[in-house]
Amino acid sequence: MRVSFHVKESFRRQGIMRLLGARISKCEPGHVEISAPNRPRLSQQDGYVHAGVMATLADSAGGYAVLSLLPRGSRVLAVEFKLNFTRPAVGKIVRATGRVRKLGGTIAVCELEVELQHENRWLSCAWGSQTVYCIRGSSSKVA
């Protein structure tokens, strides 16, 4: 796996990804996967992975999928995203995938999926879409 430098550097600066123990497990142009170990502190009251954890990983996977297609110095911001949860999230590893479906001049649209590794199989537990705002080649923050 070859992670582009600007994706890797941006990911490194995300405190939430460190908190979750997440890492980029796949990075190709327009396609990023982020994985994190399932730990008790990431669970909700019934022991399933918390929906907020899955949403956070999916949001970042989509954003980094877009960033992987943009020039160095670019930034991305989520405009909106929606996840549909299709099964309780039980497993050892949580994996969120973002795939760019349309890259426009300012807005990109991504497909999102969250899976869990359970007994040597990957089970889909959420899917959705995301709209991302692209700030091309700007190293300054958005006000």
C-alpha atoms as a PDB file:
ATOM      1  CA  MET A   1       0.000   0.000   0.000  1.00  0.00           C
ATOM      2  CA  ARG A   2       1.370   3.394  -0.984  1.00  0.00           C
ATOM      3  CA  VAL A   3      -0.201   6.292   0.878  1.00  0.00           C
ATOM      4  CA  SER A   4       0.254   9.659  -0.796  1.00  0.00           C
ATOM      5  CA  PHE A   5       2.300  12.051   1.314  1.00  0.00           C
ATOM      6  CA  HIS A   6      -0.384  14.714   1.756  1.00  0.00           C
ATOM      7  CA  VAL A   7      -3.001  12.123   2.779  1.00  0.00           C
ATOM      8  CA  LYS A   8      -0.561  10.585   5.260  1.00  0.00           C
ATOM      9  CA  GLU A   9       0.401  13.972   6.730  1.00  0.00           C
ATOM     10  CA  SER A  10      -3.207  15.076   7.106  1.00  0.00           C
ATOM     11  CA  PHE A  11      -4.172  11.770   8.727  1.00  0.00           C
ATOM     12  CA  ARG A  12      -1.264  12.074  11.165  1.00  0.00           C
ATOM     13  CA  ARG A  13      -2.650  15.434  12.387  1.00  0.00           C
ATOM     14  CA  GLN A  14      -6.091  14.015  13.252  1.00  0.00           C
ATOM     15  CA  GLY A  15      -6.252  13.528  17.002  1.00  0.00           C
ATOM     16  CA  ILE A  16      -9.495  11.557  16.763  1.00  0.00           C
ATOM     17  CA  MET A  17      -7.822   8.919  14.593  1.00  0.00           C
ATOM     18  CA  ARG A  18      -5.078   8.467  17.211  1.00  0.00           C
ATOM     19  CA  LEU A  19      -7.723   8.220  19.932  1.00  0.00           C
ATOM     20  CA  LEU A  20      -9.482   5.452  17.986  1.00  0.00           C
ATOM     21  CA  GLY A  21      -6.211   3.653  17.197  1.00  0.00           C
ATOM     22  CA  ALA A  22      -7.061   3.990  13.498  1.00  0.00           C
ATOM     23  CA  ARG A  23      -4.729   3.597  10.544  1.00  0.00           C
ATOM     24  CA  ILE A  24      -5.013   3.894   6.787  1.00  0.00           C
ATOM     25  CA  SER A  25      -5.144   0.291   5.590  1.00  0.00           C
ATOM     26  CA  LYS A  26      -5.592   1.106   1.882  1.00  0.00           C
ATOM     27  CA  CYS A  27      -5.012   4.266  -0.127  1.00  0.00           C
ATOM     28  CA  GLU A  28      -5.493   4.372  -3.871  1.00  0.00           C
ATOM     29  CA  PRO A  29      -6.646   7.311  -5.966  1.00  0.00           C
ATOM     30  CA  GLY A  30     -10.288   7.867  -5.021  1.00  0.00           C
ATOM     31  CA  HIS A  31     -10.433   4.885  -2.632  1.00  0.00           C
ATOM     32  CA  VAL A  32      -9.375   4.883   1.032  1.00  0.00           C
ATOM     33  CA  GLU A  33      -9.899   2.345   3.800  1.00  0.00           C
ATOM     34  CA  ILE A  34      -9.375   3.172   7.465  1.00  0.00           C
ATOM     35  CA  SER A  35      -9.220   0.395  10.059  1.00  0.00           C
ATOM     36  CA  ALA A  36      -9.357   0.451  13.845  1.00  0.00           C
ATOM     37  CA  PRO A  37      -9.321  -2.291  16.450  1.00  0.00           C
ATOM     38  CA  ASN A  38     -12.609  -2.873  18.223  1.00  0.00           C
ATOM     39  CA  ARG A  39     -12.084  -2.179  21.916  1.00  0.00           C
ATOM     40  CA  PRO A  40     -14.532  -2.064  24.830  1.00  0.00           C
ATOM     41  CA  ARG A  41     -14.099   1.710  25.140  1.00  0.00           C
ATOM     42  CA  LEU A  42     -15.533   2.092  21.601  1.00  0.00           C
ATOM     43  CA  SER A  43     -18.738   0.236  22.434  1.00  0.00           C
ATOM     44  CA  GLN A  44     -22.234   1.321  23.274  1.00  0.00           C
ATOM     45  CA  GLN A  45     -24.221  -0.062  26.219  1.00  0.00           C
ATOM     46  CA  ASP A  46     -24.912  -3.479  24.608  1.00  0.00           C
ATOM     47  CA  GLY A  47     -21.301  -4.103  23.578  1.00  0.00           C
ATOM     48  CA  TYR A  48     -21.645  -3.230  19.882  1.00  0.00           C
ATOM     49  CA  VAL A  49     -19.293  -0.727  18.245  1.00  0.00           C
ATOM     50  CA  HIS A  50     -20.834   2.698  18.823  1.00  0.00           C
ATOM     51  CA  ALA A  51     -22.488   4.302  15.793  1.00  0.00           C
ATOM     52  CA  GLY A  52     -20.478   7.472  16.402  1.00  0.00           C
ATOM     53  CA  VAL A  53     -17.226   5.543  16.004  1.00  0.00           C
ATOM     54  CA  MET A  54     -18.414   4.024  12.732  1.00  0.00           C
ATOM     55  CA  ALA A  55     -19.588   7.431  11.499  1.00  0.00           C
ATOM     56  CA  THR A  56     -16.273   9.058  12.413  1.00  0.00           C
ATOM     57  CA  LEU A  57     -14.273   6.430  10.527  1.00  0.00           C
ATOM     58  CA  ALA A  58     -16.611   6.615   7.507  1.00  0.00           C
ATOM     59  CA  ASP A  59     -16.449  10.428   7.425  1.00  0.00           C
ATOM     60  CA  SER A  60     -12.653  10.342   7.406  1.00  0.00           C
ATOM     61  CA  ALA A  61     -12.454   7.551   4.816  1.00  0.00           C
ATOM     62  CA  GLY A  62     -14.642   9.546   2.423  1.00  0.00           C
ATOM     63  CA  GLY A  63     -12.727  12.764   2.995  1.00  0.00           C
ATOM     64  CA  TYR A  64      -9.374  11.091   2.435  1.00  0.00           C
ATOM     65  CA  ALA A  65     -10.648   9.338  -0.691  1.00  0.00           C
ATOM     66  CA  VAL A  66     -11.363  12.807  -2.104  1.00  0.00           C
ATOM     67  CA  LEU A  67      -8.079  14.263  -0.838  1.00  0.00           C
ATOM     68  CA  SER A  68      -6.199  11.442  -2.601  1.00  0.00           C
ATOM     69  CA  LEU A  69      -7.374  12.908  -5.932  1.00  0.00           C
ATOM     70  CA  LEU A  70      -6.478  16.533  -5.167  1.00  0.00           C
ATOM     71  CA  PRO A  71      -3.141  18.327  -5.501  1.00  0.00           C
ATOM     72  CA  ARG A  72      -0.832  18.670  -2.525  1.00  0.00           C
ATOM     73  CA  GLY A  73      -1.825  21.540  -0.237  1.00  0.00           C
ATOM     74  CA  SER A  74      -5.529  20.931  -0.812  1.00  0.00           C
ATOM     75  CA  ARG A  75      -8.051  20.512   1.985  1.00  0.00           C
ATOM     76  CA  VAL A  76     -11.443  18.840   2.278  1.00  0.00           C
ATOM     77  CA  LEU A  77     -14.433  19.460   4.528  1.00  0.00           C
ATOM     78  CA  ALA A  78     -17.570  17.357   4.880  1.00  0.00           C
ATOM     79  CA  VAL A  79     -20.707  19.141   3.709  1.00  0.00           C
ATOM     80  CA  GLU A  80     -22.975  16.272   4.751  1.00  0.00           C
ATOM     81  CA  PHE A  81     -23.032  12.524   5.125  1.00  0.00           C
ATOM     82  CA  LYS A  82     -25.635   9.877   5.790  1.00  0.00           C
ATOM     83  CA  LEU A  83     -25.149   6.359   7.117  1.00  0.00           C
ATOM     84  CA  ASN A  84     -27.687   3.564   7.199  1.00  0.00           C
ATOM     85  CA  PHE A  85     -26.883   0.971   9.853  1.00  0.00           C
ATOM     86  CA  THR A  86     -27.795  -2.504   8.626  1.00  0.00           C
ATOM     87  CA  ARG A  87     -26.689  -4.800  11.478  1.00  0.00           C
ATOM     88  CA  PRO A  88     -25.246  -4.606  14.990  1.00  0.00           C
ATOM     89  CA  ALA A  89     -21.511  -4.062  14.788  1.00  0.00           C
ATOM     90  CA  VAL A  90     -19.694  -7.023  16.345  1.00  0.00           C
ATOM     91  CA  GLY A  91     -16.152  -7.995  15.431  1.00  0.00           C
ATOM     92  CA  LYS A  92     -12.436  -7.548  16.013  1.00  0.00           C
ATOM     93  CA  ILE A  93     -11.635  -4.833  13.481  1.00  0.00           C
ATOM     94  CA  VAL A  94     -13.766  -1.954  12.187  1.00  0.00           C
ATOM     95  CA  ARG A  95     -13.047  -0.942   8.574  1.00  0.00           C
ATOM     96  CA  ALA A  96     -14.524   2.105   6.859  1.00  0.00           C
ATOM     97  CA  THR A  97     -14.229   2.565   3.105  1.00  0.00           C
ATOM     98  CA  GLY A  98     -14.664   5.750   1.109  1.00  0.00           C
ATOM     99  CA  ARG A  99     -14.947   5.688  -2.691  1.00  0.00           C
ATOM    100  CA  VAL A 100     -15.239   8.818  -4.802  1.00  0.00           C
ATOM    101  CA  ARG A 101     -18.160   8.572  -7.220  1.00  0.00           C
ATOM    102  CA  LYS A 102     -17.990  12.132  -8.612  1.00  0.00           C
ATOM    103  CA  LEU A 103     -15.233  14.720  -8.316  1.00  0.00           C
ATOM    104  CA  GLY A 104     -16.323  18.174  -9.401  1.00  0.00           C
ATOM    105  CA  GLY A 105     -14.573  21.517  -9.256  1.00  0.00           C
ATOM    106  CA  THR A 106     -15.703  22.297  -5.714  1.00  0.00           C
ATOM    107  CA  ILE A 107     -17.877  19.388  -4.565  1.00  0.00           C
ATOM    108  CA  ALA A 108     -17.217  15.646  -4.531  1.00  0.00           C
ATOM    109  CA  VAL A 109     -19.623  12.789  -3.791  1.00  0.00           C
ATOM    110  CA  CYS A 110     -18.495   9.591  -2.063  1.00  0.00           C
ATOM    111  CA  GLU A 111     -19.931   6.189  -1.292  1.00  0.00           C
ATOM    112  CA  LEU A 112     -19.252   4.968   2.255  1.00  0.00           C
ATOM    113  CA  GLU A 113     -19.267   1.512   3.808  1.00  0.00           C
ATOM    114  CA  VAL A 114     -18.412   0.236   7.291  1.00  0.00           C
ATOM    115  CA  GLU A 115     -17.565  -3.421   7.870  1.00  0.00           C
ATOM    116  CA  LEU A 116     -16.442  -5.489  10.836  1.00  0.00           C
ATOM    117  CA  GLN A 117     -14.189  -8.494  10.807  1.00  0.00           C
ATOM    118  CA  HIS A 118     -16.076 -11.270  12.585  1.00  0.00           C
ATOM    119  CA  GLU A 119     -14.836 -14.876  12.632  1.00  0.00           C
ATOM    120  CA  ASN A 120     -12.527 -14.353   9.614  1.00  0.00           C
ATOM    121  CA  ARG A 121     -15.274 -12.717   7.511  1.00  0.00           C
ATOM    122  CA  TRP A 122     -15.994  -9.088   6.761  1.00  0.00           C
ATOM    123  CA  LEU A 123     -19.613  -8.194   7.509  1.00  0.00           C
ATOM    124  CA  SER A 124     -21.141  -4.992   6.201  1.00  0.00           C
ATOM    125  CA  CYS A 125     -22.891  -3.102   8.991  1.00  0.00           C
ATOM    126  CA  ALA A 126     -23.391   0.391   7.523  1.00  0.00           C
ATOM    127  CA  TRP A 127     -23.389   2.140   4.159  1.00  0.00           C
ATOM    128  CA  GLY A 128     -24.069   5.651   3.011  1.00  0.00           C
ATOM    129  CA  SER A 129     -23.001   8.685   1.050  1.00  0.00           C
ATOM    130  CA  GLN A 130     -21.045  11.849   1.656  1.00  0.00           C
ATOM    131  CA  THR A 131     -20.717  15.245   0.022  1.00  0.00           C
ATOM    132  CA  VAL A 132     -17.301  16.863   0.417  1.00  0.00           C
ATOM    133  CA  TYR A 133     -16.192  20.461  -0.181  1.00  0.00           C
ATOM    134  CA  CYS A 134     -12.820  20.652  -1.970  1.00  0.00           C
ATOM    135  CA  ILE A 135     -10.385  23.491  -1.310  1.00  0.00           C
ATOM    136  CA  ARG A 136      -7.768  22.970  -3.994  1.00  0.00           C
ATOM    137  CA  GLY A 137      -4.133  23.793  -3.353  1.00  0.00           C
ATOM    138  CA  SER A 138      -4.791  25.992  -0.329  1.00  0.00           C
ATOM    139  CA  SER A 139      -2.737  25.446   2.782  1.00  0.00           C
ATOM    140  CA  SER A 140      -4.687  28.010   4.806  1.00  0.00           C
ATOM    141  CA  LYS A 141      -7.576  27.104   7.060  1.00  0.00           C
ATOM    142  CA  VAL A 142     -11.169  27.949   6.205  1.00  0.00           C
ATOM    143  CA  ALA A 143     -12.643  30.658   8.453  1.00  0.00           C
END
